């Protein structure tokens, strides 16, 4: 499948925002769990309580996105490669179309401090996204990728350091950058509710937070 944008016939407003990650304390605050951190940040900003929901196989909450509209937040607790199960459970229950599901996750190919919002696209090798595309039976749903950068000294085709990098934690300097990024995710989310995902792309794809040596 080509990573092409789908031009919607109507304004795309998220009804469900999902952050990808892995359960268990050992994965807390790792780069691969930045999607979980994003949902926690949104929940705090919008004063939405998250609680484990067995029916939805994840931590779930619903409320208002800063007065912009009703939203549901989800952190799947199925492990990354089964994320689609939890999302499908929520979309089936609330009859939410795939194009109204915004997925937030980490991206090795984006530099730290960069975000990229898209209306659709392929999994790009991300196991969580592969599962979601399989369960929703489409790749036409918006996603917000958060750059975590590649491991230092990484060479194309050499994945020996990738796992340790993805499952590692941010440095103190990186955490300062990611704190700015997560606050920016709230802005992107609120703009998506106000004017739709397509217009929000203009905002979310132009900002670049720096502050550490590359």
N, C-alpha and C. Protein backbone atom coordinates (compact mmCIF):
# COMPACT_ATOMS: atom_id res chain seq x y z
N UNK A 1 0.84 -1.19 0.00
CA UNK A 1 0.00 0.00 0.00
C UNK A 1 0.88 1.25 0.00
N UNK A 2 0.53 2.23 -0.81
CA UNK A 2 1.29 3.45 -0.84
C UNK A 2 0.85 4.38 0.29
N UNK A 3 1.84 5.11 0.83
CA UNK A 3 1.55 6.05 1.92
C UNK A 3 1.02 7.34 1.32
N UNK A 4 -0.26 7.32 0.94
CA UNK A 4 -0.86 8.46 0.29
C UNK A 4 -1.95 9.07 1.17
N UNK A 5 -2.13 10.37 1.02
CA UNK A 5 -3.17 11.04 1.77
C UNK A 5 -4.54 10.74 1.15
N UNK A 6 -5.53 10.58 1.98
CA UNK A 6 -6.90 10.42 1.51
C UNK A 6 -7.60 11.76 1.70
N UNK A 7 -8.09 12.32 0.61
CA UNK A 7 -8.78 13.59 0.70
C UNK A 7 -10.23 13.37 1.14
N UNK A 8 -10.57 13.81 2.34
CA UNK A 8 -11.91 13.55 2.85
C UNK A 8 -12.95 14.44 2.18
N UNK A 9 -14.17 13.95 2.14
CA UNK A 9 -15.25 14.74 1.59
C UNK A 9 -15.86 15.62 2.67
N UNK A 10 -15.54 15.35 3.92
CA UNK A 10 -16.04 16.15 5.02
C UNK A 10 -14.90 16.38 6.01
N UNK A 11 -15.10 17.35 6.89
CA UNK A 11 -14.08 17.65 7.90
C UNK A 11 -13.95 16.46 8.85
N UNK A 12 -12.73 16.00 9.07
CA UNK A 12 -12.48 14.85 9.94
C UNK A 12 -12.24 15.34 11.37
N UNK A 13 -13.16 14.99 12.26
CA UNK A 13 -13.05 15.35 13.68
C UNK A 13 -12.84 14.07 14.48
N UNK A 14 -11.79 13.98 15.29
CA UNK A 14 -11.57 12.76 16.07
C UNK A 14 -12.68 12.53 17.09
N UNK A 15 -13.13 11.29 17.18
CA UNK A 15 -14.06 10.89 18.24
C UNK A 15 -13.35 10.01 19.27
N UNK A 16 -12.29 9.36 18.83
CA UNK A 16 -11.50 8.49 19.69
C UNK A 16 -10.02 8.79 19.44
N UNK A 17 -9.27 9.07 20.52
CA UNK A 17 -7.83 9.27 20.41
C UNK A 17 -7.14 8.14 21.16
N UNK A 18 -6.25 7.46 20.47
CA UNK A 18 -5.57 6.28 21.02
C UNK A 18 -4.08 6.54 21.08
N UNK A 19 -3.46 6.23 22.20
CA UNK A 19 -2.01 6.29 22.33
C UNK A 19 -1.45 4.89 22.46
N UNK A 20 -0.43 4.58 21.67
CA UNK A 20 0.11 3.22 21.69
C UNK A 20 1.28 3.09 22.67
N UNK A 21 1.36 1.90 23.26
CA UNK A 21 2.42 1.60 24.21
C UNK A 21 2.28 0.16 24.69
N UNK A 22 3.12 -0.19 25.63
CA UNK A 22 3.07 -1.52 26.25
C UNK A 22 2.75 -1.38 27.73
N UNK A 23 1.93 -2.30 28.29
CA UNK A 23 1.68 -2.27 29.72
C UNK A 23 2.91 -2.76 30.50
N UNK A 24 2.80 -2.84 31.80
CA UNK A 24 3.86 -3.25 32.72
C UNK A 24 4.79 -2.08 33.04
N UNK A 25 5.14 -1.97 34.32
CA UNK A 25 5.98 -0.85 34.78
C UNK A 25 7.33 -0.75 34.05
N UNK A 26 7.88 -1.88 33.61
CA UNK A 26 9.20 -1.82 32.97
C UNK A 26 9.19 -1.03 31.67
N UNK A 27 8.01 -0.82 31.09
CA UNK A 27 7.91 -0.06 29.86
C UNK A 27 7.57 1.41 30.09
N UNK A 28 7.30 1.78 31.35
CA UNK A 28 6.94 3.16 31.65
C UNK A 28 8.01 4.13 31.18
N UNK A 29 7.57 5.20 30.53
CA UNK A 29 8.45 6.30 30.13
C UNK A 29 9.53 5.89 29.12
N UNK A 30 9.33 4.76 28.45
CA UNK A 30 10.26 4.40 27.38
C UNK A 30 9.83 5.13 26.10
N UNK A 31 10.74 5.17 25.14
CA UNK A 31 10.44 5.86 23.89
C UNK A 31 9.23 5.23 23.18
N UNK A 32 9.14 3.91 23.24
CA UNK A 32 8.06 3.20 22.55
C UNK A 32 6.70 3.50 23.17
N UNK A 33 6.70 4.02 24.39
CA UNK A 33 5.45 4.30 25.11
C UNK A 33 5.06 5.77 25.07
N UNK A 34 5.63 6.53 24.14
CA UNK A 34 5.31 7.95 24.09
C UNK A 34 3.83 8.18 23.77
N UNK A 35 3.19 7.21 23.11
CA UNK A 35 1.75 7.31 22.86
C UNK A 35 0.95 7.29 24.15
N UNK A 36 1.36 6.44 25.09
CA UNK A 36 0.72 6.42 26.41
C UNK A 36 0.90 7.77 27.11
N UNK A 37 2.12 8.30 27.04
CA UNK A 37 2.41 9.59 27.68
C UNK A 37 1.55 10.70 27.08
N UNK A 38 1.31 10.61 25.77
CA UNK A 38 0.47 11.61 25.10
C UNK A 38 -0.97 11.56 25.62
N UNK A 39 -1.50 10.36 25.78
CA UNK A 39 -2.87 10.22 26.30
C UNK A 39 -2.95 10.72 27.73
N UNK A 40 -1.95 10.42 28.55
CA UNK A 40 -1.93 10.93 29.93
C UNK A 40 -1.93 12.46 29.95
N UNK A 41 -1.17 13.06 29.03
CA UNK A 41 -1.10 14.52 28.95
C UNK A 41 -2.44 15.11 28.52
N UNK A 42 -3.07 14.49 27.51
CA UNK A 42 -4.39 14.94 27.07
C UNK A 42 -5.43 14.80 28.18
N UNK A 43 -5.37 13.69 28.90
CA UNK A 43 -6.33 13.44 29.98
C UNK A 43 -6.19 14.50 31.08
N UNK A 44 -4.96 14.87 31.41
CA UNK A 44 -4.75 15.92 32.42
C UNK A 44 -5.25 17.27 31.91
N UNK A 45 -4.91 17.59 30.67
CA UNK A 45 -5.29 18.89 30.10
C UNK A 45 -6.80 19.04 30.01
N UNK A 46 -7.49 17.96 29.69
CA UNK A 46 -8.93 18.01 29.48
C UNK A 46 -9.72 17.48 30.68
N UNK A 47 -9.00 17.16 31.75
CA UNK A 47 -9.62 16.69 32.99
C UNK A 47 -10.53 15.48 32.75
N UNK A 48 -9.96 14.52 32.05
CA UNK A 48 -10.67 13.26 31.77
C UNK A 48 -10.02 12.16 32.60
N UNK A 49 -10.83 11.46 33.36
CA UNK A 49 -10.32 10.36 34.20
C UNK A 49 -10.19 9.09 33.37
N UNK A 50 -9.04 8.45 33.47
CA UNK A 50 -8.81 7.17 32.80
C UNK A 50 -8.91 6.04 33.80
N UNK A 51 -9.54 4.95 33.41
CA UNK A 51 -9.67 3.78 34.28
C UNK A 51 -9.64 2.53 33.42
N UNK A 52 -9.15 1.44 33.99
CA UNK A 52 -9.09 0.20 33.22
C UNK A 52 -10.50 -0.28 32.87
N UNK A 53 -10.68 -0.61 31.62
CA UNK A 53 -11.97 -1.09 31.12
C UNK A 53 -11.72 -2.43 30.45
N UNK A 54 -12.15 -3.51 31.07
CA UNK A 54 -11.86 -4.85 30.54
C UNK A 54 -12.53 -5.10 29.19
N UNK A 55 -13.71 -4.54 29.03
CA UNK A 55 -14.42 -4.72 27.75
C UNK A 55 -13.61 -4.13 26.59
N UNK A 56 -12.92 -3.01 26.87
CA UNK A 56 -12.14 -2.34 25.84
C UNK A 56 -10.65 -2.71 25.89
N UNK A 57 -10.28 -3.61 26.80
CA UNK A 57 -8.91 -4.10 26.91
C UNK A 57 -7.89 -2.95 27.03
N UNK A 58 -8.25 -1.96 27.83
CA UNK A 58 -7.33 -0.84 27.99
C UNK A 58 -7.79 0.13 29.05
N UNK A 59 -7.01 1.19 29.23
CA UNK A 59 -7.42 2.30 30.08
C UNK A 59 -8.22 3.26 29.21
N UNK A 60 -9.40 3.63 29.70
CA UNK A 60 -10.36 4.36 28.86
C UNK A 60 -11.00 5.48 29.65
N UNK A 61 -11.31 6.56 28.97
CA UNK A 61 -12.04 7.66 29.60
C UNK A 61 -12.72 8.49 28.53
N UNK A 62 -13.74 9.22 28.92
CA UNK A 62 -14.41 10.11 27.97
C UNK A 62 -14.78 11.42 28.64
N UNK A 63 -14.81 12.47 27.85
CA UNK A 63 -15.11 13.80 28.36
C UNK A 63 -15.09 14.80 27.23
N UNK A 64 -14.79 16.06 27.56
CA UNK A 64 -14.75 17.11 26.56
C UNK A 64 -13.32 17.57 26.31
N UNK A 65 -12.99 17.79 25.04
CA UNK A 65 -11.66 18.27 24.67
C UNK A 65 -11.62 19.78 24.81
N UNK A 66 -11.39 20.24 26.02
CA UNK A 66 -11.30 21.68 26.29
C UNK A 66 -12.51 22.43 25.75
N UNK A 67 -13.69 21.83 25.91
CA UNK A 67 -14.92 22.47 25.46
C UNK A 67 -15.13 22.44 23.96
N UNK A 68 -14.23 21.75 23.23
CA UNK A 68 -14.32 21.71 21.76
C UNK A 68 -15.23 20.58 21.26
N UNK A 69 -15.54 19.61 22.13
CA UNK A 69 -16.39 18.51 21.71
C UNK A 69 -16.10 17.25 22.50
N UNK A 70 -17.01 16.29 22.42
CA UNK A 70 -16.85 15.04 23.15
C UNK A 70 -15.74 14.19 22.55
N UNK A 71 -14.95 13.58 23.42
CA UNK A 71 -13.85 12.75 22.95
C UNK A 71 -13.68 11.57 23.89
N UNK A 72 -13.16 10.48 23.34
CA UNK A 72 -12.83 9.30 24.12
C UNK A 72 -11.34 9.05 23.99
N UNK A 73 -10.71 8.71 25.10
CA UNK A 73 -9.27 8.45 25.13
C UNK A 73 -9.03 6.98 25.47
N UNK A 74 -8.02 6.37 24.84
CA UNK A 74 -7.74 4.95 25.05
C UNK A 74 -6.25 4.67 25.06
N UNK A 75 -5.82 3.89 26.06
CA UNK A 75 -4.47 3.33 26.10
C UNK A 75 -4.64 1.80 26.09
N UNK A 76 -4.45 1.15 24.95
CA UNK A 76 -4.62 -0.32 24.90
C UNK A 76 -3.64 -1.01 25.85
N UNK A 77 -4.14 -2.00 26.57
CA UNK A 77 -3.29 -2.77 27.48
C UNK A 77 -3.06 -4.18 26.94
N UNK A 78 -3.11 -4.31 25.63
CA UNK A 78 -3.02 -5.61 24.96
C UNK A 78 -1.59 -5.97 24.55
N UNK A 79 -0.65 -5.06 24.79
CA UNK A 79 0.70 -5.06 24.21
C UNK A 79 0.60 -4.51 22.80
N UNK A 80 1.70 -3.90 22.41
CA UNK A 80 1.74 -3.11 21.17
C UNK A 80 1.21 -3.87 19.95
N UNK A 81 1.67 -5.10 19.76
CA UNK A 81 1.35 -5.80 18.51
C UNK A 81 -0.09 -6.31 18.45
N UNK A 82 -0.88 -6.07 19.50
CA UNK A 82 -2.30 -6.45 19.50
C UNK A 82 -3.21 -5.23 19.73
N UNK A 83 -2.65 -4.04 19.53
CA UNK A 83 -3.38 -2.80 19.81
C UNK A 83 -4.73 -2.73 19.09
N UNK A 84 -4.79 -3.31 17.90
CA UNK A 84 -6.02 -3.25 17.11
C UNK A 84 -7.22 -3.89 17.79
N UNK A 85 -6.97 -4.89 18.63
CA UNK A 85 -8.08 -5.56 19.34
C UNK A 85 -8.84 -4.57 20.21
N UNK A 86 -8.08 -3.79 20.99
CA UNK A 86 -8.70 -2.83 21.90
C UNK A 86 -9.43 -1.73 21.13
N UNK A 87 -8.81 -1.25 20.07
CA UNK A 87 -9.43 -0.18 19.29
C UNK A 87 -10.70 -0.67 18.62
N UNK A 88 -10.66 -1.86 18.09
CA UNK A 88 -11.86 -2.43 17.45
C UNK A 88 -12.99 -2.60 18.46
N UNK A 89 -12.65 -2.97 19.69
CA UNK A 89 -13.69 -3.12 20.72
C UNK A 89 -14.40 -1.80 20.98
N UNK A 90 -13.65 -0.70 21.03
CA UNK A 90 -14.24 0.62 21.26
C UNK A 90 -15.04 1.09 20.04
N UNK A 91 -14.46 0.96 18.85
CA UNK A 91 -15.15 1.44 17.65
C UNK A 91 -16.43 0.67 17.38
N UNK A 92 -16.41 -0.64 17.66
CA UNK A 92 -17.63 -1.44 17.48
C UNK A 92 -18.72 -1.02 18.47
N UNK A 93 -18.32 -0.78 19.71
CA UNK A 93 -19.28 -0.46 20.76
C UNK A 93 -19.95 0.89 20.50
N UNK A 94 -19.14 1.89 20.12
CA UNK A 94 -19.68 3.24 19.94
C UNK A 94 -20.00 3.57 18.48
N UNK A 95 -19.80 2.59 17.59
CA UNK A 95 -20.06 2.79 16.16
C UNK A 95 -19.25 3.98 15.61
N UNK A 96 -17.97 3.98 15.93
CA UNK A 96 -17.07 5.04 15.48
C UNK A 96 -16.41 4.62 14.17
N UNK A 97 -16.51 5.43 13.12
CA UNK A 97 -15.86 5.08 11.85
C UNK A 97 -14.34 5.21 11.97
N UNK A 98 -13.57 4.43 11.22
CA UNK A 98 -12.10 4.48 11.31
C UNK A 98 -11.54 5.88 11.11
N UNK A 99 -12.14 6.68 10.21
CA UNK A 99 -11.60 8.01 9.93
C UNK A 99 -11.73 8.97 11.11
N UNK A 100 -12.47 8.55 12.14
CA UNK A 100 -12.61 9.37 13.35
C UNK A 100 -11.75 8.87 14.50
N UNK A 101 -10.84 7.94 14.18
CA UNK A 101 -9.90 7.41 15.19
C UNK A 101 -8.53 8.02 14.94
N UNK A 102 -8.03 8.79 15.90
CA UNK A 102 -6.70 9.39 15.81
C UNK A 102 -5.74 8.57 16.67
N UNK A 103 -4.70 8.03 16.04
CA UNK A 103 -3.73 7.19 16.74
C UNK A 103 -2.42 7.95 16.92
N UNK A 104 -1.89 7.94 18.13
CA UNK A 104 -0.64 8.63 18.45
C UNK A 104 0.41 7.58 18.79
N UNK A 105 1.57 7.67 18.15
CA UNK A 105 2.61 6.66 18.40
C UNK A 105 4.00 7.19 18.06
N UNK A 106 5.01 6.43 18.45
CA UNK A 106 6.41 6.81 18.26
C UNK A 106 6.88 6.51 16.84
N UNK A 107 7.85 7.29 16.38
CA UNK A 107 8.41 7.06 15.04
C UNK A 107 9.92 7.27 15.06
N UNK A 108 10.63 6.19 14.73
CA UNK A 108 12.09 6.23 14.66
C UNK A 108 12.60 7.14 13.55
N UNK A 109 11.84 7.23 12.46
CA UNK A 109 12.29 7.96 11.29
C UNK A 109 12.08 9.46 11.39
N UNK A 110 11.41 9.91 12.44
CA UNK A 110 11.26 11.33 12.68
C UNK A 110 12.24 11.75 13.77
N UNK A 111 12.92 12.88 13.58
CA UNK A 111 13.85 13.33 14.63
C UNK A 111 13.13 13.70 15.90
N UNK A 112 13.83 13.60 17.00
CA UNK A 112 13.27 13.99 18.30
C UNK A 112 12.85 15.46 18.24
N UNK A 113 11.66 15.74 18.73
CA UNK A 113 11.17 17.11 18.73
C UNK A 113 10.27 17.45 17.56
N UNK A 114 10.03 16.47 16.69
CA UNK A 114 9.20 16.68 15.51
C UNK A 114 7.94 15.83 15.59
N UNK A 115 6.82 16.37 15.13
CA UNK A 115 5.58 15.60 15.04
C UNK A 115 5.08 15.64 13.60
N UNK A 116 4.31 14.62 13.25
CA UNK A 116 3.78 14.54 11.88
C UNK A 116 2.36 13.99 11.94
N UNK A 117 1.41 14.82 11.51
CA UNK A 117 -0.01 14.44 11.47
C UNK A 117 -0.39 14.10 10.04
N UNK A 118 -1.06 12.96 9.87
CA UNK A 118 -1.50 12.51 8.55
C UNK A 118 -2.92 11.97 8.63
N UNK A 119 -3.62 12.02 7.49
CA UNK A 119 -4.99 11.51 7.43
C UNK A 119 -5.03 10.00 7.23
N UNK A 120 -3.93 9.44 6.70
CA UNK A 120 -3.90 8.00 6.42
C UNK A 120 -2.47 7.60 6.15
N UNK A 121 -2.24 6.32 5.88
CA UNK A 121 -0.91 5.86 5.53
C UNK A 121 -0.68 4.42 5.91
N UNK A 122 0.47 3.90 5.52
CA UNK A 122 0.82 2.52 5.82
C UNK A 122 1.31 2.39 7.26
N UNK A 123 1.60 1.16 7.66
CA UNK A 123 2.09 0.90 9.03
C UNK A 123 3.52 1.37 9.20
N UNK A 124 4.27 1.44 8.10
CA UNK A 124 5.65 1.88 8.19
C UNK A 124 6.52 1.01 9.07
N UNK A 125 6.18 -0.29 9.17
CA UNK A 125 6.97 -1.20 9.99
C UNK A 125 6.63 -1.19 11.46
N UNK A 126 5.67 -0.36 11.88
CA UNK A 126 5.29 -0.27 13.30
C UNK A 126 4.28 -1.37 13.62
N UNK A 127 4.62 -2.24 14.57
CA UNK A 127 3.76 -3.39 14.87
C UNK A 127 2.37 -3.00 15.38
N UNK A 128 2.32 -1.93 16.16
CA UNK A 128 1.01 -1.48 16.65
C UNK A 128 0.12 -1.04 15.51
N UNK A 129 0.70 -0.32 14.55
CA UNK A 129 -0.08 0.16 13.42
C UNK A 129 -0.49 -0.99 12.50
N UNK A 130 0.36 -1.99 12.37
CA UNK A 130 -0.01 -3.17 11.58
C UNK A 130 -1.26 -3.82 12.15
N UNK A 131 -1.31 -3.94 13.47
CA UNK A 131 -2.47 -4.55 14.13
C UNK A 131 -3.73 -3.71 13.93
N UNK A 132 -3.59 -2.40 14.03
CA UNK A 132 -4.75 -1.51 13.89
C UNK A 132 -5.31 -1.57 12.47
N UNK A 133 -4.42 -1.50 11.49
CA UNK A 133 -4.85 -1.57 10.09
C UNK A 133 -5.57 -2.89 9.82
N UNK A 134 -5.06 -3.97 10.40
CA UNK A 134 -5.68 -5.28 10.23
C UNK A 134 -7.07 -5.33 10.84
N UNK A 135 -7.22 -4.80 12.06
CA UNK A 135 -8.50 -4.89 12.77
C UNK A 135 -9.54 -3.90 12.26
N UNK A 136 -9.10 -2.72 11.81
CA UNK A 136 -10.04 -1.75 11.26
C UNK A 136 -10.29 -1.99 9.77
N UNK A 137 -9.46 -2.88 9.20
CA UNK A 137 -9.58 -3.26 7.78
C UNK A 137 -9.42 -2.08 6.84
N UNK A 138 -8.60 -1.12 7.26
CA UNK A 138 -8.31 0.05 6.43
C UNK A 138 -7.10 0.77 7.01
N UNK A 139 -6.41 1.53 6.18
CA UNK A 139 -5.35 2.39 6.69
C UNK A 139 -5.76 3.86 6.62
N UNK A 140 -7.04 4.06 6.31
CA UNK A 140 -7.56 5.42 6.19
C UNK A 140 -8.09 5.95 7.52
N UNK A 141 -7.19 6.16 8.44
CA UNK A 141 -7.52 6.79 9.72
C UNK A 141 -6.35 7.71 10.08
N UNK A 142 -6.64 8.84 10.73
CA UNK A 142 -5.56 9.79 11.03
C UNK A 142 -4.59 9.26 12.08
N UNK A 143 -3.36 9.73 11.98
CA UNK A 143 -2.35 9.34 12.96
C UNK A 143 -1.39 10.51 13.20
N UNK A 144 -0.95 10.62 14.44
CA UNK A 144 0.02 11.63 14.84
C UNK A 144 1.28 10.90 15.30
N UNK A 145 2.34 11.01 14.52
CA UNK A 145 3.60 10.36 14.85
C UNK A 145 4.47 11.32 15.65
N UNK A 146 5.06 10.82 16.70
CA UNK A 146 5.97 11.60 17.53
C UNK A 146 7.38 11.07 17.33
N UNK A 147 8.27 11.95 16.87
CA UNK A 147 9.63 11.53 16.59
C UNK A 147 10.41 11.16 17.84
N UNK A 148 11.08 10.01 17.79
CA UNK A 148 11.96 9.61 18.90
C UNK A 148 13.40 9.52 18.40
N UNK A 149 13.62 9.77 17.11
CA UNK A 149 14.97 9.74 16.57
C UNK A 149 15.55 8.34 16.49
N UNK A 150 16.61 8.21 15.72
CA UNK A 150 17.30 6.93 15.62
C UNK A 150 18.44 6.87 16.63
N UNK A 151 18.86 5.65 17.02
CA UNK A 151 19.98 5.56 17.96
C UNK A 151 21.24 6.18 17.38
N UNK A 152 22.05 6.76 18.23
CA UNK A 152 23.29 7.40 17.78
C UNK A 152 24.18 6.38 17.10
N UNK A 153 24.75 6.78 15.99
CA UNK A 153 25.64 5.89 15.26
C UNK A 153 24.94 4.84 14.43
N UNK A 154 23.61 4.95 14.33
CA UNK A 154 22.84 3.95 13.57
C UNK A 154 23.19 4.03 12.09
N UNK A 155 23.30 2.87 11.46
CA UNK A 155 23.57 2.78 10.03
C UNK A 155 22.36 2.13 9.38
N UNK A 156 21.95 2.67 8.23
CA UNK A 156 20.80 2.11 7.52
C UNK A 156 20.98 0.62 7.29
N UNK A 157 19.96 -0.16 7.64
CA UNK A 157 20.02 -1.61 7.47
C UNK A 157 20.54 -2.35 8.67
N UNK A 158 21.11 -1.62 9.63
CA UNK A 158 21.63 -2.24 10.85
C UNK A 158 20.66 -1.95 11.99
N UNK A 159 19.93 -2.97 12.44
CA UNK A 159 18.92 -2.79 13.47
C UNK A 159 19.39 -3.26 14.85
N UNK A 160 20.68 -3.47 15.00
CA UNK A 160 21.19 -4.06 16.24
C UNK A 160 20.93 -3.19 17.47
N UNK A 161 20.88 -1.87 17.27
CA UNK A 161 20.67 -0.99 18.42
C UNK A 161 19.23 -0.47 18.51
N UNK A 162 18.41 -0.85 17.55
CA UNK A 162 17.06 -0.29 17.49
C UNK A 162 16.21 -0.67 18.68
N UNK A 163 16.19 -1.96 19.04
CA UNK A 163 15.34 -2.43 20.14
C UNK A 163 15.71 -1.75 21.45
N UNK A 164 17.00 -1.70 21.75
CA UNK A 164 17.43 -1.07 23.00
C UNK A 164 17.11 0.42 23.01
N UNK A 165 17.17 1.05 21.84
CA UNK A 165 16.84 2.47 21.74
C UNK A 165 15.35 2.69 21.98
N UNK A 166 14.52 1.91 21.27
CA UNK A 166 13.07 2.07 21.36
C UNK A 166 12.57 1.77 22.78
N UNK A 167 13.13 0.76 23.40
CA UNK A 167 12.68 0.36 24.75
C UNK A 167 13.48 1.05 25.85
N UNK A 168 14.36 1.97 25.46
CA UNK A 168 15.11 2.74 26.44
C UNK A 168 14.35 3.99 26.85
N UNK A 169 14.87 4.67 27.85
CA UNK A 169 14.23 5.90 28.35
C UNK A 169 14.95 7.13 27.82
N UNK A 170 14.22 8.23 27.77
CA UNK A 170 14.79 9.49 27.33
C UNK A 170 15.80 10.00 28.36
N UNK A 171 16.82 10.69 27.87
CA UNK A 171 17.76 11.35 28.77
C UNK A 171 17.07 12.56 29.40
N UNK A 172 17.72 13.18 30.37
CA UNK A 172 17.15 14.36 31.03
C UNK A 172 16.93 15.48 30.01
N UNK A 173 17.91 15.66 29.12
CA UNK A 173 17.79 16.71 28.09
C UNK A 173 16.66 16.38 27.12
N UNK A 174 16.56 15.10 26.73
CA UNK A 174 15.50 14.69 25.82
C UNK A 174 14.13 14.86 26.46
N UNK A 175 14.04 14.59 27.76
CA UNK A 175 12.77 14.73 28.47
C UNK A 175 12.25 16.17 28.43
N UNK A 176 13.18 17.14 28.45
CA UNK A 176 12.76 18.55 28.37
C UNK A 176 12.11 18.82 27.01
N UNK A 177 12.71 18.26 25.97
CA UNK A 177 12.15 18.42 24.62
C UNK A 177 10.79 17.73 24.54
N UNK A 178 10.72 16.50 25.06
CA UNK A 178 9.48 15.73 24.96
C UNK A 178 8.35 16.36 25.76
N UNK A 179 8.69 17.04 26.83
CA UNK A 179 7.68 17.75 27.61
C UNK A 179 7.03 18.84 26.75
N UNK A 180 7.85 19.55 25.96
CA UNK A 180 7.32 20.56 25.04
C UNK A 180 6.46 19.90 23.96
N UNK A 181 6.94 18.78 23.45
CA UNK A 181 6.22 18.06 22.40
C UNK A 181 4.85 17.62 22.89
N UNK A 182 4.79 17.05 24.09
CA UNK A 182 3.53 16.55 24.62
C UNK A 182 2.53 17.69 24.86
N UNK A 183 3.02 18.83 25.30
CA UNK A 183 2.13 19.99 25.43
C UNK A 183 1.62 20.43 24.06
N UNK A 184 2.48 20.31 23.07
CA UNK A 184 2.10 20.67 21.70
C UNK A 184 1.05 19.70 21.16
N UNK A 185 1.12 18.43 21.57
CA UNK A 185 0.12 17.43 21.16
C UNK A 185 -1.28 17.87 21.61
N UNK A 186 -1.35 18.49 22.79
CA UNK A 186 -2.64 19.00 23.27
C UNK A 186 -3.15 20.08 22.31
N UNK A 187 -2.25 20.99 21.90
CA UNK A 187 -2.63 22.02 20.93
C UNK A 187 -3.15 21.40 19.63
N UNK A 188 -2.41 20.40 19.15
CA UNK A 188 -2.81 19.73 17.90
C UNK A 188 -4.18 19.08 18.04
N UNK A 189 -4.39 18.43 19.18
CA UNK A 189 -5.67 17.77 19.43
C UNK A 189 -6.82 18.77 19.45
N UNK A 190 -6.62 19.89 20.13
CA UNK A 190 -7.68 20.89 20.24
C UNK A 190 -7.95 21.55 18.89
N UNK A 191 -6.89 21.77 18.11
CA UNK A 191 -7.07 22.34 16.78
C UNK A 191 -7.81 21.37 15.86
N UNK A 192 -7.54 20.07 16.03
CA UNK A 192 -8.23 19.05 15.24
C UNK A 192 -9.73 19.06 15.52
N UNK A 193 -10.08 19.30 16.78
CA UNK A 193 -11.50 19.37 17.14
C UNK A 193 -12.14 20.64 16.60
N UNK A 194 -11.37 21.70 16.59
CA UNK A 194 -11.92 23.00 16.19
C UNK A 194 -12.09 23.11 14.68
N UNK A 195 -11.07 22.67 13.92
CA UNK A 195 -11.10 22.88 12.46
C UNK A 195 -10.91 21.62 11.64
N UNK A 196 -10.73 20.47 12.30
CA UNK A 196 -10.56 19.22 11.58
C UNK A 196 -9.09 18.84 11.43
N UNK A 197 -8.86 17.56 11.20
CA UNK A 197 -7.50 17.03 11.14
C UNK A 197 -6.72 17.61 9.96
N UNK A 198 -7.37 17.77 8.81
CA UNK A 198 -6.64 18.23 7.63
C UNK A 198 -6.05 19.62 7.85
N UNK A 199 -6.82 20.54 8.42
CA UNK A 199 -6.29 21.88 8.70
C UNK A 199 -5.26 21.84 9.83
N UNK A 200 -5.47 20.93 10.79
CA UNK A 200 -4.52 20.82 11.90
C UNK A 200 -3.14 20.38 11.43
N UNK A 201 -3.09 19.70 10.29
CA UNK A 201 -1.80 19.27 9.75
C UNK A 201 -0.88 20.45 9.50
N UNK A 202 -1.44 21.58 9.10
CA UNK A 202 -0.63 22.77 8.84
C UNK A 202 0.09 23.24 10.11
N UNK A 203 -0.57 23.08 11.24
CA UNK A 203 0.03 23.46 12.52
C UNK A 203 1.00 22.40 13.01
N UNK A 204 0.55 21.16 13.02
CA UNK A 204 1.30 20.09 13.69
C UNK A 204 2.55 19.64 12.93
N UNK A 205 2.61 19.94 11.64
CA UNK A 205 3.74 19.46 10.84
C UNK A 205 4.81 20.52 10.61
N UNK A 206 4.64 21.69 11.20
CA UNK A 206 5.61 22.75 10.96
C UNK A 206 6.49 23.04 12.18
N UNK A 207 6.03 22.67 13.35
CA UNK A 207 6.80 22.96 14.57
C UNK A 207 7.92 21.96 14.77
N UNK A 208 9.05 22.42 15.27
CA UNK A 208 10.18 21.53 15.54
C UNK A 208 10.81 21.98 16.84
N UNK A 209 10.68 21.15 17.87
CA UNK A 209 11.23 21.49 19.18
C UNK A 209 12.65 20.94 19.29
N UNK A 210 13.55 21.83 19.65
CA UNK A 210 14.95 21.42 19.82
C UNK A 210 15.41 21.82 21.20
N UNK A 211 16.67 21.61 21.45
CA UNK A 211 17.16 21.95 22.79
C UNK A 211 18.24 20.99 23.24
N UNK A 212 18.51 19.98 22.37
CA UNK A 212 19.59 19.05 22.68
C UNK A 212 20.47 18.92 21.45
N UNK A 213 21.65 18.47 21.63
CA UNK A 213 22.55 18.25 20.51
C UNK A 213 22.09 17.04 19.73
N UNK A 214 22.05 17.17 18.41
CA UNK A 214 21.61 16.07 17.57
C UNK A 214 22.73 15.09 17.35
